[in-house]
Amino acid sequence: MGHSGLKVSVLSYGAWVTFSNQVGVDAAYDIMKCAYAGGVNFFDNAEIYAKGEAEKIMGECVQKGIKDGVWKRSDLVLTTKLFFGDGSQGPNDKGLSRKHIIEGMANSLSRFQLQYVDVVFCHRPDTNTPIEETVRAMNYLIDTGKAFYWGTSEWSASEFDVACRIADKLNLQRPICEQPQYSMLVRDKVENEFLGLYERYGTGLTVWSPLCSGVLTGKYKDKIVAEGTRLGVESIKWLKDRKLTENAWQIEKAELLIPIAKELECTRAQLALAWCVKNKRVSTVILGASKKSQLVENLVCLEVAKKITDEMMLRIDKILGTKPKITKSHI
């Protein structure tokens, strides 16, 4: 993971939308076992996912796996993210204040049935809390054994830079990674904005939505959302509305990838995931399959990645037209 000593699998598995909304404990356990058997050791979560239920389900799965001898706790890299809260309505039940970070972490660990997570993320920047307060609080979690590392999610390059500078000044641990959205269709942050951070701080990346919420699979070609698909989940109806209206261009772009997928003898989903894997800045690509069969199919992308040449990457850039222009550093 970046310049840290933490070793994470190229592919990982995330609980967003899936756990509780689409699968319960038994199905989640089957998926996690399948992922682990396929080489995945990194499992991503957040306090807000299904208002804490996703952490409970993952925690049950982890404990069951330990009991069944499938894995040891040390075999897994488990994460959570703090900021949005778990649905509680108190004035301090969200944000990145010292109070919420410490109390929110305690609540997450209770739901997980764990003594610690491996990485805790700041799920969003908090404009109401000084970054120094957040840096100190995240280091408190590390010093008290509640987490081993910390990172950020959807922070700007300048915010990440400030956090690192404060940590250096106070002789505290920097964030080791950022968790941004990244796919063939969403590229600017990873390929442009964060460029100055990789060499300066060794920033790792745990990227989410590599299939652009399923758009890159081609399943929404006719803007029809089938029951059981990610955009069909009622709790994220806002995402469905966004993908089918203001971001409808993404659906059209996905159709342009059919010839490349045929050439590689793979699905468009495998192609999209393999494309993310090819970026050496990416530490791990987070998958979100709701069925074991989907996960098995997605894991094949590692073999597809081996077949993608530099020439083919250039062809994809030309076909999609989504490669960002490199601008001056944001930091």
C-alpha atoms as a PDB file:
ATOM      1  CA  MET A   1       0.000   0.000   0.000  1.00  0.00           C
ATOM      2  CA  GLY A   2       1.978   2.976  -1.256  1.00  0.00           C
ATOM      3  CA  HIS A   3       5.265   3.269   0.639  1.00  0.00           C
ATOM      4  CA  SER A   4       3.922   1.536   3.754  1.00  0.00           C
ATOM      5  CA  GLY A   5       4.829  -2.043   4.654  1.00  0.00           C
ATOM      6  CA  LEU A   6       1.202  -3.177   4.373  1.00  0.00           C
ATOM      7  CA  LYS A   7       0.668  -5.801   1.679  1.00  0.00           C
ATOM      8  CA  VAL A   8      -2.728  -5.777  -0.014  1.00  0.00           C
ATOM      9  CA  SER A   9      -4.178  -7.872  -2.816  1.00  0.00           C
ATOM     10  CA  VAL A  10      -4.457  -6.358  -6.297  1.00  0.00           C
ATOM     11  CA  LEU A  11      -8.210  -6.968  -6.125  1.00  0.00           C
ATOM     12  CA  SER A  12     -10.275  -6.366  -3.005  1.00  0.00           C
ATOM     13  CA  TYR A  13     -13.912  -6.623  -1.979  1.00  0.00           C
ATOM     14  CA  GLY A  14     -16.197  -3.868  -0.675  1.00  0.00           C
ATOM     15  CA  ALA A  15     -19.480  -3.978   1.239  1.00  0.00           C
ATOM     16  CA  TRP A  16     -21.047  -0.747  -0.101  1.00  0.00           C
ATOM     17  CA  VAL A  17     -24.652  -1.281  -1.277  1.00  0.00           C
ATOM     18  CA  THR A  18     -24.203  -5.069  -1.320  1.00  0.00           C
ATOM     19  CA  PHE A  19     -24.149  -6.072   2.358  1.00  0.00           C
ATOM     20  CA  SER A  20     -27.614  -5.864   3.950  1.00  0.00           C
ATOM     21  CA  ASN A  21     -29.230  -4.206   0.914  1.00  0.00           C
ATOM     22  CA  GLN A  22     -28.587  -7.182  -1.398  1.00  0.00           C
ATOM     23  CA  VAL A  23     -27.088 -10.018   0.651  1.00  0.00           C
ATOM     24  CA  GLY A  24     -27.307 -11.309   4.219  1.00  0.00           C
ATOM     25  CA  VAL A  25     -24.721 -13.092   6.359  1.00  0.00           C
ATOM     26  CA  ASP A  26     -24.805 -16.484   4.621  1.00  0.00           C
ATOM     27  CA  ALA A  27     -24.435 -15.105   1.099  1.00  0.00           C
ATOM     28  CA  ALA A  28     -21.855 -12.572   2.267  1.00  0.00           C
ATOM     29  CA  TYR A  29     -19.812 -15.345   3.873  1.00  0.00           C
ATOM     30  CA  ASP A  30     -19.851 -17.362   0.654  1.00  0.00           C
ATOM     31  CA  ILE A  31     -18.700 -14.315  -1.313  1.00  0.00           C
ATOM     32  CA  MET A  32     -15.932 -13.454   1.155  1.00  0.00           C
ATOM     33  CA  LYS A  33     -14.685 -17.068   1.182  1.00  0.00           C
ATOM     34  CA  CYS A  34     -14.686 -17.092  -2.615  1.00  0.00           C
ATOM     35  CA  ALA A  35     -12.791 -13.793  -2.713  1.00  0.00           C
ATOM     36  CA  TYR A  36     -10.223 -15.023  -0.182  1.00  0.00           C
ATOM     37  CA  ALA A  37      -9.733 -18.282  -2.104  1.00  0.00           C
ATOM     38  CA  GLY A  38      -9.118 -16.135  -5.197  1.00  0.00           C
ATOM     39  CA  GLY A  39      -6.304 -14.221  -3.503  1.00  0.00           C
ATOM     40  CA  VAL A  40      -8.235 -11.286  -1.990  1.00  0.00           C
ATOM     41  CA  ASN A  41      -7.113 -10.191   1.478  1.00  0.00           C
ATOM     42  CA  PHE A  42      -8.480  -6.605   1.581  1.00  0.00           C
ATOM     43  CA  PHE A  43     -12.127  -6.113   2.638  1.00  0.00           C
ATOM     44  CA  ASP A  44     -13.575  -2.599   2.667  1.00  0.00           C
ATOM     45  CA  ASN A  45     -16.432  -1.192   4.773  1.00  0.00           C
ATOM     46  CA  ALA A  46     -17.747   2.024   6.365  1.00  0.00           C
ATOM     47  CA  GLU A  47     -19.856   3.066   9.325  1.00  0.00           C
ATOM     48  CA  ILE A  48     -22.520   4.506   7.000  1.00  0.00           C
ATOM     49  CA  TYR A  49     -22.976   1.401   4.842  1.00  0.00           C
ATOM     50  CA  ALA A  50     -26.532   0.197   5.534  1.00  0.00           C
ATOM     51  CA  LYS A  51     -26.341   2.346   8.681  1.00  0.00           C
ATOM     52  CA  GLY A  52     -23.878   0.025  10.360  1.00  0.00           C
ATOM     53  CA  GLU A  53     -25.460  -3.240   9.246  1.00  0.00           C
ATOM     54  CA  ALA A  54     -22.718  -3.870   6.662  1.00  0.00           C
ATOM     55  CA  GLU A  55     -20.101  -3.840   9.422  1.00  0.00           C
ATOM     56  CA  LYS A  56     -22.189  -6.255  11.483  1.00  0.00           C
ATOM     57  CA  ILE A  57     -22.510  -8.665   8.551  1.00  0.00           C
ATOM     58  CA  MET A  58     -18.816  -8.501   7.685  1.00  0.00           C
ATOM     59  CA  GLY A  59     -17.921  -8.978  11.345  1.00  0.00           C
ATOM     60  CA  GLU A  60     -20.100 -12.095  11.527  1.00  0.00           C
ATOM     61  CA  CYS A  61     -18.412 -13.429   8.397  1.00  0.00           C
ATOM     62  CA  VAL A  62     -14.936 -12.763   9.752  1.00  0.00           C
ATOM     63  CA  GLN A  63     -15.703 -14.539  13.023  1.00  0.00           C
ATOM     64  CA  LYS A  64     -17.308 -17.464  11.209  1.00  0.00           C
ATOM     65  CA  GLY A  65     -14.263 -17.780   8.950  1.00  0.00           C
ATOM     66  CA  ILE A  66     -11.953 -17.841  11.966  1.00  0.00           C
ATOM     67  CA  LYS A  67     -14.107 -20.486  13.659  1.00  0.00           C
ATOM     68  CA  ASP A  68     -14.237 -22.602  10.482  1.00  0.00           C
ATOM     69  CA  GLY A  69     -10.479 -22.329   9.965  1.00  0.00           C
ATOM     70  CA  VAL A  70     -10.858 -20.489   6.638  1.00  0.00           C
ATOM     71  CA  TRP A  71      -8.578 -17.646   7.727  1.00  0.00           C
ATOM     72  CA  LYS A  72      -6.849 -16.085  10.734  1.00  0.00           C
ATOM     73  CA  ARG A  73      -7.534 -12.488  11.699  1.00  0.00           C
ATOM     74  CA  SER A  74      -3.970 -11.631  10.662  1.00  0.00           C
ATOM     75  CA  ASP A  75      -4.667 -12.991   7.159  1.00  0.00           C
ATOM     76  CA  LEU A  76      -7.174 -10.197   6.498  1.00  0.00           C
ATOM     77  CA  VAL A  77      -6.814  -6.476   5.886  1.00  0.00           C
ATOM     78  CA  LEU A  78     -10.091  -5.043   7.177  1.00  0.00           C
ATOM     79  CA  THR A  79     -11.057  -1.400   6.851  1.00  0.00           C
ATOM     80  CA  THR A  80     -13.777   1.013   7.786  1.00  0.00           C
ATOM     81  CA  LYS A  81     -14.460   4.665   7.091  1.00  0.00           C
ATOM     82  CA  LEU A  82     -15.622   7.417   9.442  1.00  0.00           C
ATOM     83  CA  PHE A  83     -17.450  10.658   8.659  1.00  0.00           C
ATOM     84  CA  PHE A  84     -21.118  10.084   7.767  1.00  0.00           C
ATOM     85  CA  GLY A  85     -22.031   8.269  10.984  1.00  0.00           C
ATOM     86  CA  ASP A  86     -24.252   5.232  11.308  1.00  0.00           C
ATOM     87  CA  GLY A  87     -27.584   7.027  10.969  1.00  0.00           C
ATOM     88  CA  SER A  88     -27.701   8.460  14.495  1.00  0.00           C
ATOM     89  CA  GLN A  89     -28.960  12.037  14.588  1.00  0.00           C
ATOM     90  CA  GLY A  90     -26.898  13.695  17.339  1.00  0.00           C
ATOM     91  CA  PRO A  91     -24.865  16.814  16.438  1.00  0.00           C
ATOM     92  CA  ASN A  92     -21.580  14.939  17.036  1.00  0.00           C
ATOM     93  CA  ASP A  93     -22.607  11.657  15.387  1.00  0.00           C
ATOM     94  CA  LYS A  94     -20.813  12.536  12.155  1.00  0.00           C
ATOM     95  CA  GLY A  95     -17.816  14.489  10.922  1.00  0.00           C
ATOM     96  CA  LEU A  96     -14.100  14.236  11.674  1.00  0.00           C
ATOM     97  CA  SER A  97     -13.942  15.822  15.098  1.00  0.00           C
ATOM     98  CA  ARG A  98     -11.859  14.054  17.734  1.00  0.00           C
ATOM     99  CA  LYS A  99     -15.110  13.167  19.493  1.00  0.00           C
ATOM    100  CA  HIS A 100     -16.725  11.460  16.508  1.00  0.00           C
ATOM    101  CA  ILE A 101     -13.545   9.754  15.349  1.00  0.00           C
ATOM    102  CA  ILE A 102     -12.972   8.114  18.738  1.00  0.00           C
ATOM    103  CA  GLU A 103     -16.627   7.306  19.453  1.00  0.00           C
ATOM    104  CA  GLY A 104     -17.362   6.320  15.860  1.00  0.00           C
ATOM    105  CA  MET A 105     -14.386   3.937  15.844  1.00  0.00           C
ATOM    106  CA  ALA A 106     -15.590   2.356  19.103  1.00  0.00           C
ATOM    107  CA  ASN A 107     -19.045   1.816  17.600  1.00  0.00           C
ATOM    108  CA  SER A 108     -17.609   0.341  14.398  1.00  0.00           C
ATOM    109  CA  LEU A 109     -15.380  -2.093  16.281  1.00  0.00           C
ATOM    110  CA  SER A 110     -18.347  -3.167  18.392  1.00  0.00           C
ATOM    111  CA  ARG A 111     -20.370  -3.924  15.250  1.00  0.00           C
ATOM    112  CA  PHE A 112     -17.395  -5.730  13.689  1.00  0.00           C
ATOM    113  CA  GLN A 113     -16.719  -7.726  16.884  1.00  0.00           C
ATOM    114  CA  LEU A 114     -13.078  -6.741  16.427  1.00  0.00           C
ATOM    115  CA  GLN A 115     -10.361  -5.174  18.560  1.00  0.00           C
ATOM    116  CA  TYR A 116      -8.917  -3.253  15.622  1.00  0.00           C
ATOM    117  CA  VAL A 117      -9.158  -2.568  11.903  1.00  0.00           C
ATOM    118  CA  ASP A 118      -6.086  -2.498   9.699  1.00  0.00           C
ATOM    119  CA  VAL A 119      -6.897   0.808   7.978  1.00  0.00           C
ATOM    120  CA  VAL A 120      -9.377   3.495   9.031  1.00  0.00           C
ATOM    121  CA  PHE A 121     -10.332   6.100   6.442  1.00  0.00           C
ATOM    122  CA  CYS A 122     -11.664   9.644   6.733  1.00  0.00           C
ATOM    123  CA  HIS A 123     -14.638   9.097   4.419  1.00  0.00           C
ATOM    124  CA  ARG A 124     -14.820  12.738   3.301  1.00  0.00           C
ATOM    125  CA  PRO A 125     -13.061  15.983   4.245  1.00  0.00           C
ATOM    126  CA  ASP A 126     -14.714  17.902   7.098  1.00  0.00           C
ATOM    127  CA  THR A 127     -14.709  21.666   6.537  1.00  0.00           C
ATOM    128  CA  ASN A 128     -15.980  22.210  10.099  1.00  0.00           C
ATOM    129  CA  THR A 129     -13.001  20.524  11.759  1.00  0.00           C
ATOM    130  CA  PRO A 130      -9.356  21.674  11.567  1.00  0.00           C
ATOM    131  CA  ILE A 131      -7.281  19.091   9.716  1.00  0.00           C
ATOM    132  CA  GLU A 132      -4.786  19.111  12.606  1.00  0.00           C
ATOM    133  CA  GLU A 133      -7.526  17.896  14.977  1.00  0.00           C
ATOM    134  CA  THR A 134      -8.337  15.063  12.582  1.00  0.00           C
ATOM    135  CA  VAL A 135      -4.676  14.087  12.127  1.00  0.00           C
ATOM    136  CA  ARG A 136      -4.166  13.967  15.899  1.00  0.00           C
ATOM    137  CA  ALA A 137      -7.358  11.920  16.412  1.00  0.00           C
ATOM    138  CA  MET A 138      -6.459   9.381  13.714  1.00  0.00           C
ATOM    139  CA  ASN A 139      -3.039   8.970  15.316  1.00  0.00           C
ATOM    140  CA  TYR A 140      -4.738   8.441  18.669  1.00  0.00           C
ATOM    141  CA  LEU A 141      -6.596   5.480  17.136  1.00  0.00           C
ATOM    142  CA  ILE A 142      -3.268   4.095  15.942  1.00  0.00           C
ATOM    143  CA  ASP A 143      -1.492   4.704  19.253  1.00  0.00           C
ATOM    144  CA  THR A 144      -4.286   2.975  21.192  1.00  0.00           C
ATOM    145  CA  GLY A 145      -4.331  -0.060  18.919  1.00  0.00           C
ATOM    146  CA  LYS A 146      -7.718   0.595  17.287  1.00  0.00           C
ATOM    147  CA  ALA A 147      -6.138   0.797  13.810  1.00  0.00           C
ATOM    148  CA  PHE A 148      -2.708   0.221  12.266  1.00  0.00           C
ATOM    149  CA  TYR A 149      -2.880   2.832   9.478  1.00  0.00           C
ATOM    150  CA  TRP A 150      -5.134   5.645   8.344  1.00  0.00           C
ATOM    151  CA  GLY A 151      -6.132   7.049   4.996  1.00  0.00           C
ATOM    152  CA  THR A 152      -8.560   9.398   3.293  1.00  0.00           C
ATOM    153  CA  SER A 153     -11.421   8.988   0.847  1.00  0.00           C
ATOM    154  CA  GLU A 154     -12.460  11.622  -1.673  1.00  0.00           C
ATOM    155  CA  TRP A 155     -10.112  14.236  -0.267  1.00  0.00           C
ATOM    156  CA  SER A 156      -8.574  16.762  -2.618  1.00  0.00           C
ATOM    157  CA  ALA A 157      -4.848  16.685  -3.311  1.00  0.00           C
ATOM    158  CA  SER A 158      -4.387  19.927  -1.372  1.00  0.00           C
ATOM    159  CA  GLU A 159      -6.254  18.552   1.678  1.00  0.00           C
ATOM    160  CA  PHE A 160      -4.192  15.370   1.600  1.00  0.00           C
ATOM    161  CA  ASP A 161      -1.011  17.429   1.322  1.00  0.00           C
ATOM    162  CA  VAL A 162      -1.957  19.557   4.323  1.00  0.00           C
ATOM    163  CA  ALA A 163      -2.631  16.429   6.400  1.00  0.00           C
ATOM    164  CA  CYS A 164       0.794  15.032   5.497  1.00  0.00           C
ATOM    165  CA  ARG A 165       2.572  18.290   6.275  1.00  0.00           C
ATOM    166  CA  ILE A 166       0.843  18.533   9.657  1.00  0.00           C
ATOM    167  CA  ALA A 167       1.726  14.920  10.462  1.00  0.00           C
ATOM    168  CA  ASP A 168       5.365  15.555   9.564  1.00  0.00           C
ATOM    169  CA  LYS A 169       5.478  18.725  11.670  1.00  0.00           C
ATOM    170  CA  LEU A 170       4.009  16.931  14.697  1.00  0.00           C
ATOM    171  CA  ASN A 171       6.041  13.729  14.138  1.00  0.00           C
ATOM    172  CA  LEU A 172       2.831  11.740  13.623  1.00  0.00           C
ATOM    173  CA  GLN A 173       1.841   9.126  11.058  1.00  0.00           C
ATOM    174  CA  ARG A 174       0.717  10.428   7.672  1.00  0.00           C
ATOM    175  CA  PRO A 175      -2.279   8.981   5.826  1.00  0.00           C
ATOM    176  CA  ILE A 176      -0.879   6.143   3.698  1.00  0.00           C
ATOM    177  CA  CYS A 177      -3.552   6.134   1.011  1.00  0.00           C
ATOM    178  CA  GLU A 178      -6.506   7.806  -0.647  1.00  0.00           C
ATOM    179  CA  GLN A 179      -9.676   6.022  -1.763  1.00  0.00           C
ATOM    180  CA  PRO A 180     -10.960   7.795  -4.898  1.00  0.00           C
ATOM    181  CA  GLN A 181     -13.445   6.789  -7.539  1.00  0.00           C
ATOM    182  CA  TYR A 182     -11.553   5.507 -10.583  1.00  0.00           C
ATOM    183  CA  SER A 183     -12.550   3.834 -13.811  1.00  0.00           C
ATOM    184  CA  MET A 184     -12.143   4.155 -17.575  1.00  0.00           C
ATOM    185  CA  LEU A 185     -14.721   6.937 -17.411  1.00  0.00           C
ATOM    186  CA  VAL A 186     -13.652   8.763 -14.209  1.00  0.00           C
ATOM    187  CA  ARG A 187      -9.923   9.486 -14.340  1.00  0.00           C
ATOM    188  CA  ASP A 188      -8.911  13.066 -13.504  1.00  0.00           C
ATOM    189  CA  LYS A 189      -8.210  12.701  -9.790  1.00  0.00           C
ATOM    190  CA  VAL A 190      -5.972   9.638 -10.078  1.00  0.00           C
ATOM    191  CA  GLU A 191      -4.220  10.547 -13.327  1.00  0.00           C
ATOM    192  CA  ASN A 192      -3.953  14.307 -12.905  1.00  0.00           C
ATOM    193  CA  GLU A 193      -4.791  15.910  -9.555  1.00  0.00           C
ATOM    194  CA  PHE A 194      -2.882  13.452  -7.341  1.00  0.00           C
ATOM    195  CA  LEU A 195       0.238  13.201  -9.511  1.00  0.00           C
ATOM    196  CA  GLY A 196       2.318  15.363  -7.178  1.00  0.00           C
ATOM    197  CA  LEU A 197       1.559  13.153  -4.178  1.00  0.00           C
ATOM    198  CA  TYR A 198       2.776   9.762  -5.375  1.00  0.00           C
ATOM    199  CA  GLU A 199       6.468  10.558  -5.284  1.00  0.00           C
ATOM    200  CA  ARG A 200       6.285  13.104  -2.461  1.00  0.00           C
ATOM    201  CA  TYR A 201       4.468  10.881   0.031  1.00  0.00           C
ATOM    202  CA  GLY A 202       4.237   7.447  -1.569  1.00  0.00           C
ATOM    203  CA  THR A 203       0.466   7.715  -1.543  1.00  0.00           C
ATOM    204  CA  GLY A 204      -1.355   4.435  -2.168  1.00  0.00           C
ATOM    205  CA  LEU A 205      -4.729   4.161  -3.886  1.00  0.00           C
ATOM    206  CA  THR A 206      -7.668   1.895  -3.012  1.00  0.00           C
ATOM    207  CA  VAL A 207      -9.987   2.698  -5.900  1.00  0.00           C
ATOM    208  CA  TRP A 208     -13.749   2.234  -5.874  1.00  0.00           C
ATOM    209  CA  SER A 209     -16.413   1.901  -8.591  1.00  0.00           C
ATOM    210  CA  PRO A 210     -14.053   0.486 -11.251  1.00  0.00           C
ATOM    211  CA  LEU A 211     -17.136  -0.608 -13.242  1.00  0.00           C
ATOM    212  CA  CYS A 212     -18.668   2.862 -12.899  1.00  0.00           C
ATOM    213  CA  SER A 213     -21.616   1.441 -10.922  1.00  0.00           C
ATOM    214  CA  GLY A 214     -22.100  -1.313 -13.498  1.00  0.00           C
ATOM    215  CA  VAL A 215     -22.232   0.976 -16.522  1.00  0.00           C
ATOM    216  CA  LEU A 216     -19.046  -0.509 -17.979  1.00  0.00           C
ATOM    217  CA  THR A 217     -20.564  -4.002 -17.987  1.00  0.00           C
ATOM    218  CA  GLY A 218     -23.074  -2.896 -20.639  1.00  0.00           C
ATOM    219  CA  LYS A 219     -26.060  -3.992 -18.562  1.00  0.00           C
ATOM    220  CA  TYR A 220     -27.697  -0.542 -18.763  1.00  0.00           C
ATOM    221  CA  LYS A 221     -27.399  -0.182 -22.543  1.00  0.00           C
ATOM    222  CA  ASP A 222     -31.108   0.579 -23.041  1.00  0.00           C
ATOM    223  CA  LYS A 223     -31.367   2.483 -19.741  1.00  0.00           C
ATOM    224  CA  ILE A 224     -33.367  -0.398 -18.312  1.00  0.00           C
ATOM    225  CA  VAL A 225     -32.541  -1.197 -14.697  1.00  0.00           C
ATOM    226  CA  ALA A 226     -33.290  -4.824 -13.875  1.00  0.00           C
ATOM    227  CA  GLU A 227     -34.308  -5.907 -10.407  1.00  0.00           C
ATOM    228  CA  GLY A 228     -31.337  -7.040  -8.345  1.00  0.00           C
ATOM    229  CA  THR A 229     -28.798  -4.787 -10.056  1.00  0.00           C
ATOM    230  CA  ARG A 230     -26.882  -2.094  -8.178  1.00  0.00           C
ATOM    231  CA  LEU A 231     -28.826   0.788  -9.723  1.00  0.00           C
ATOM    232  CA  GLY A 232     -32.010  -1.028  -8.769  1.00  0.00           C
ATOM    233  CA  VAL A 233     -31.359  -0.648  -5.030  1.00  0.00           C
ATOM    234  CA  GLU A 234     -33.934   1.789  -3.653  1.00  0.00           C
ATOM    235  CA  SER A 235     -31.634   3.322  -1.042  1.00  0.00           C
ATOM    236  CA  ILE A 236     -29.346   4.687  -3.778  1.00  0.00           C
ATOM    237  CA  LYS A 237     -32.036   5.812  -6.209  1.00  0.00           C
ATOM    238  CA  TRP A 238     -30.091   9.063  -6.542  1.00  0.00           C
ATOM    239  CA  LEU A 239     -27.306   7.120  -8.262  1.00  0.00           C
ATOM    240  CA  LYS A 240     -29.708   5.565 -10.752  1.00  0.00           C
ATOM    241  CA  ASP A 241     -31.126   8.983 -11.607  1.00  0.00           C
ATOM    242  CA  ARG A 242     -27.640  10.409 -12.092  1.00  0.00           C
ATOM    243  CA  LYS A 243     -26.388   7.562 -14.299  1.00  0.00           C
ATOM    244  CA  LEU A 244     -29.436   7.522 -16.556  1.00  0.00           C
ATOM    245  CA  THR A 245     -29.693  11.303 -17.018  1.00  0.00           C
ATOM    246  CA  GLU A 246     -26.725  13.643 -16.554  1.00  0.00           C
ATOM    247  CA  ASN A 247     -24.195  10.826 -16.985  1.00  0.00           C
ATOM    248  CA  ALA A 248     -25.984   8.992 -19.788  1.00  0.00           C
ATOM    249  CA  TRP A 249     -22.919   9.651 -21.960  1.00  0.00           C
ATOM    250  CA  GLN A 250     -21.129   6.972 -19.911  1.00  0.00           C
ATOM    251  CA  ILE A 251     -23.581   4.324 -21.116  1.00  0.00           C
ATOM    252  CA  GLU A 252     -22.832   5.311 -24.721  1.00  0.00           C
ATOM    253  CA  LYS A 253     -19.065   5.174 -24.112  1.00  0.00           C
ATOM    254  CA  ALA A 254     -19.336   1.653 -22.659  1.00  0.00           C
ATOM    255  CA  GLU A 255     -20.688   0.375 -25.960  1.00  0.00           C
ATOM    256  CA  LEU A 256     -17.503   1.466 -27.728  1.00  0.00           C
ATOM    257  CA  LEU A 257     -15.500  -1.133 -25.804  1.00  0.00           C
ATOM    258  CA  ILE A 258     -17.215  -4.157 -27.376  1.00  0.00           C
ATOM    259  CA  PRO A 259     -14.562  -4.693 -30.099  1.00  0.00           C
ATOM    260  CA  ILE A 260     -11.684  -4.572 -27.578  1.00  0.00           C
ATOM    261  CA  ALA A 261     -13.434  -7.068 -25.272  1.00  0.00           C
ATOM    262  CA  LYS A 262     -14.030  -9.417 -28.224  1.00  0.00           C
ATOM    263  CA  GLU A 263     -10.389  -9.169 -29.223  1.00  0.00           C
ATOM    264  CA  LEU A 264      -9.319 -10.123 -25.704  1.00  0.00           C
ATOM    265  CA  GLU A 265     -12.029 -12.791 -25.464  1.00  0.00           C
ATOM    266  CA  CYS A 266     -13.340 -11.359 -22.214  1.00  0.00           C
ATOM    267  CA  THR A 267     -16.386  -9.560 -20.869  1.00  0.00           C
ATOM    268  CA  ARG A 268     -16.520  -5.783 -20.732  1.00  0.00           C
ATOM    269  CA  ALA A 269     -16.500  -6.029 -16.931  1.00  0.00           C
ATOM    270  CA  GLN A 270     -13.259  -8.005 -17.008  1.00  0.00           C
ATOM    271  CA  LEU A 271     -11.778  -5.501 -19.442  1.00  0.00           C
ATOM    272  CA  ALA A 272     -12.721  -2.522 -17.252  1.00  0.00           C
ATOM    273  CA  LEU A 273     -11.254  -4.122 -14.134  1.00  0.00           C
ATOM    274  CA  ALA A 274      -8.088  -5.220 -15.933  1.00  0.00           C
ATOM    275  CA  TRP A 275      -7.637  -1.661 -17.212  1.00  0.00           C
ATOM    276  CA  CYS A 276      -7.630  -0.349 -13.617  1.00  0.00           C
ATOM    277  CA  VAL A 277      -5.193  -3.056 -12.549  1.00  0.00           C
ATOM    278  CA  LYS A 278      -2.752  -1.889 -15.242  1.00  0.00           C
ATOM    279  CA  ASN A 279      -2.272   1.450 -13.443  1.00  0.00           C
ATOM    280  CA  LYS A 280       0.815   0.938 -11.272  1.00  0.00           C
ATOM    281  CA  ARG A 281      -0.290   3.749  -8.929  1.00  0.00           C
ATOM    282  CA  VAL A 282      -3.308   1.684  -7.845  1.00  0.00           C
ATOM    283  CA  SER A 283      -2.720  -0.430  -4.730  1.00  0.00           C
ATOM    284  CA  THR A 284      -5.996  -2.352  -4.907  1.00  0.00           C
ATOM    285  CA  VAL A 285      -9.176  -2.319  -7.016  1.00  0.00           C
ATOM    286  CA  ILE A 286     -12.348  -2.718  -4.944  1.00  0.00           C
ATOM    287  CA  LEU A 287     -14.940  -5.127  -6.346  1.00  0.00           C
ATOM    288  CA  GLY A 288     -18.597  -5.023  -5.339  1.00  0.00           C
ATOM    289  CA  ALA A 289     -20.167  -8.253  -6.631  1.00  0.00           C
ATOM    290  CA  SER A 290     -23.525  -9.217  -5.118  1.00  0.00           C
ATOM    291  CA  LYS A 291     -23.270 -12.830  -6.317  1.00  0.00           C
ATOM    292  CA  LYS A 292     -20.475 -15.375  -6.060  1.00  0.00           C
ATOM    293  CA  SER A 293     -20.777 -16.045  -9.799  1.00  0.00           C
ATOM    294  CA  GLN A 294     -20.126 -12.358 -10.520  1.00  0.00           C
ATOM    295  CA  LEU A 295     -17.083 -12.385  -8.286  1.00  0.00           C
ATOM    296  CA  VAL A 296     -15.652 -15.489  -9.955  1.00  0.00           C
ATOM    297  CA  GLU A 297     -16.084 -13.809 -13.331  1.00  0.00           C
ATOM    298  CA  ASN A 298     -14.462 -10.595 -12.106  1.00  0.00           C
ATOM    299  CA  LEU A 299     -11.408 -12.345 -10.676  1.00  0.00           C
ATOM    300  CA  VAL A 300     -10.495 -13.481 -14.201  1.00  0.00           C
ATOM    301  CA  CYS A 301      -9.559  -9.866 -14.957  1.00  0.00           C
ATOM    302  CA  LEU A 302      -6.078 -10.553 -13.581  1.00  0.00           C
ATOM    303  CA  GLU A 303      -5.444 -12.881 -16.507  1.00  0.00           C
ATOM    304  CA  VAL A 304      -6.961 -10.370 -18.927  1.00  0.00           C
ATOM    305  CA  ALA A 305      -4.622  -7.666 -17.613  1.00  0.00           C
ATOM    306  CA  LYS A 306      -1.637  -9.745 -18.696  1.00  0.00           C
ATOM    307  CA  LYS A 307      -2.888  -9.634 -22.289  1.00  0.00           C
ATOM    308  CA  ILE A 308      -3.450  -5.867 -22.476  1.00  0.00           C
ATOM    309  CA  THR A 309      -0.515  -4.261 -24.268  1.00  0.00           C
ATOM    310  CA  ASP A 310       0.614  -0.643 -24.141  1.00  0.00           C
ATOM    311  CA  GLU A 311      -0.652  -0.270 -27.701  1.00  0.00           C
ATOM    312  CA  MET A 312      -4.060  -1.512 -26.640  1.00  0.00           C
ATOM    313  CA  MET A 313      -4.143   0.960 -23.732  1.00  0.00           C
ATOM    314  CA  LEU A 314      -3.511   3.771 -26.229  1.00  0.00           C
ATOM    315  CA  ARG A 315      -6.328   2.480 -28.432  1.00  0.00           C
ATOM    316  CA  ILE A 316      -8.700   2.506 -25.469  1.00  0.00           C
ATOM    317  CA  ASP A 317      -7.720   6.106 -24.700  1.00  0.00           C
ATOM    318  CA  LYS A 318      -8.471   7.085 -28.284  1.00  0.00           C
ATOM    319  CA  ILE A 319     -11.791   5.204 -28.375  1.00  0.00           C
ATOM    320  CA  LEU A 320     -13.110   6.641 -25.118  1.00  0.00           C
ATOM    321  CA  GLY A 321     -11.585  10.111 -25.180  1.00  0.00           C
ATOM    322  CA  THR A 322     -11.584  10.266 -21.370  1.00  0.00           C
ATOM    323  CA  LYS A 323      -7.850  10.594 -20.676  1.00  0.00           C
ATOM    324  CA  PRO A 324      -7.421  13.821 -18.682  1.00  0.00           C
ATOM    325  CA  LYS A 325      -5.050  16.575 -19.674  1.00  0.00           C
ATOM    326  CA  ILE A 326      -2.153  16.949 -17.265  1.00  0.00           C
ATOM    327  CA  THR A 327      -2.372  20.352 -15.587  1.00  0.00           C
ATOM    328  CA  LYS A 328      -0.079  22.076 -13.124  1.00  0.00           C
ATOM    329  CA  SER A 329       0.111  20.462  -9.694  1.00  0.00           C
ATOM    330  CA  HIS A 330      -2.810  21.244  -7.388  1.00  0.00           C
ATOM    331  CA  ILE A 331      -0.498  21.368  -4.393  1.00  0.00           C
END
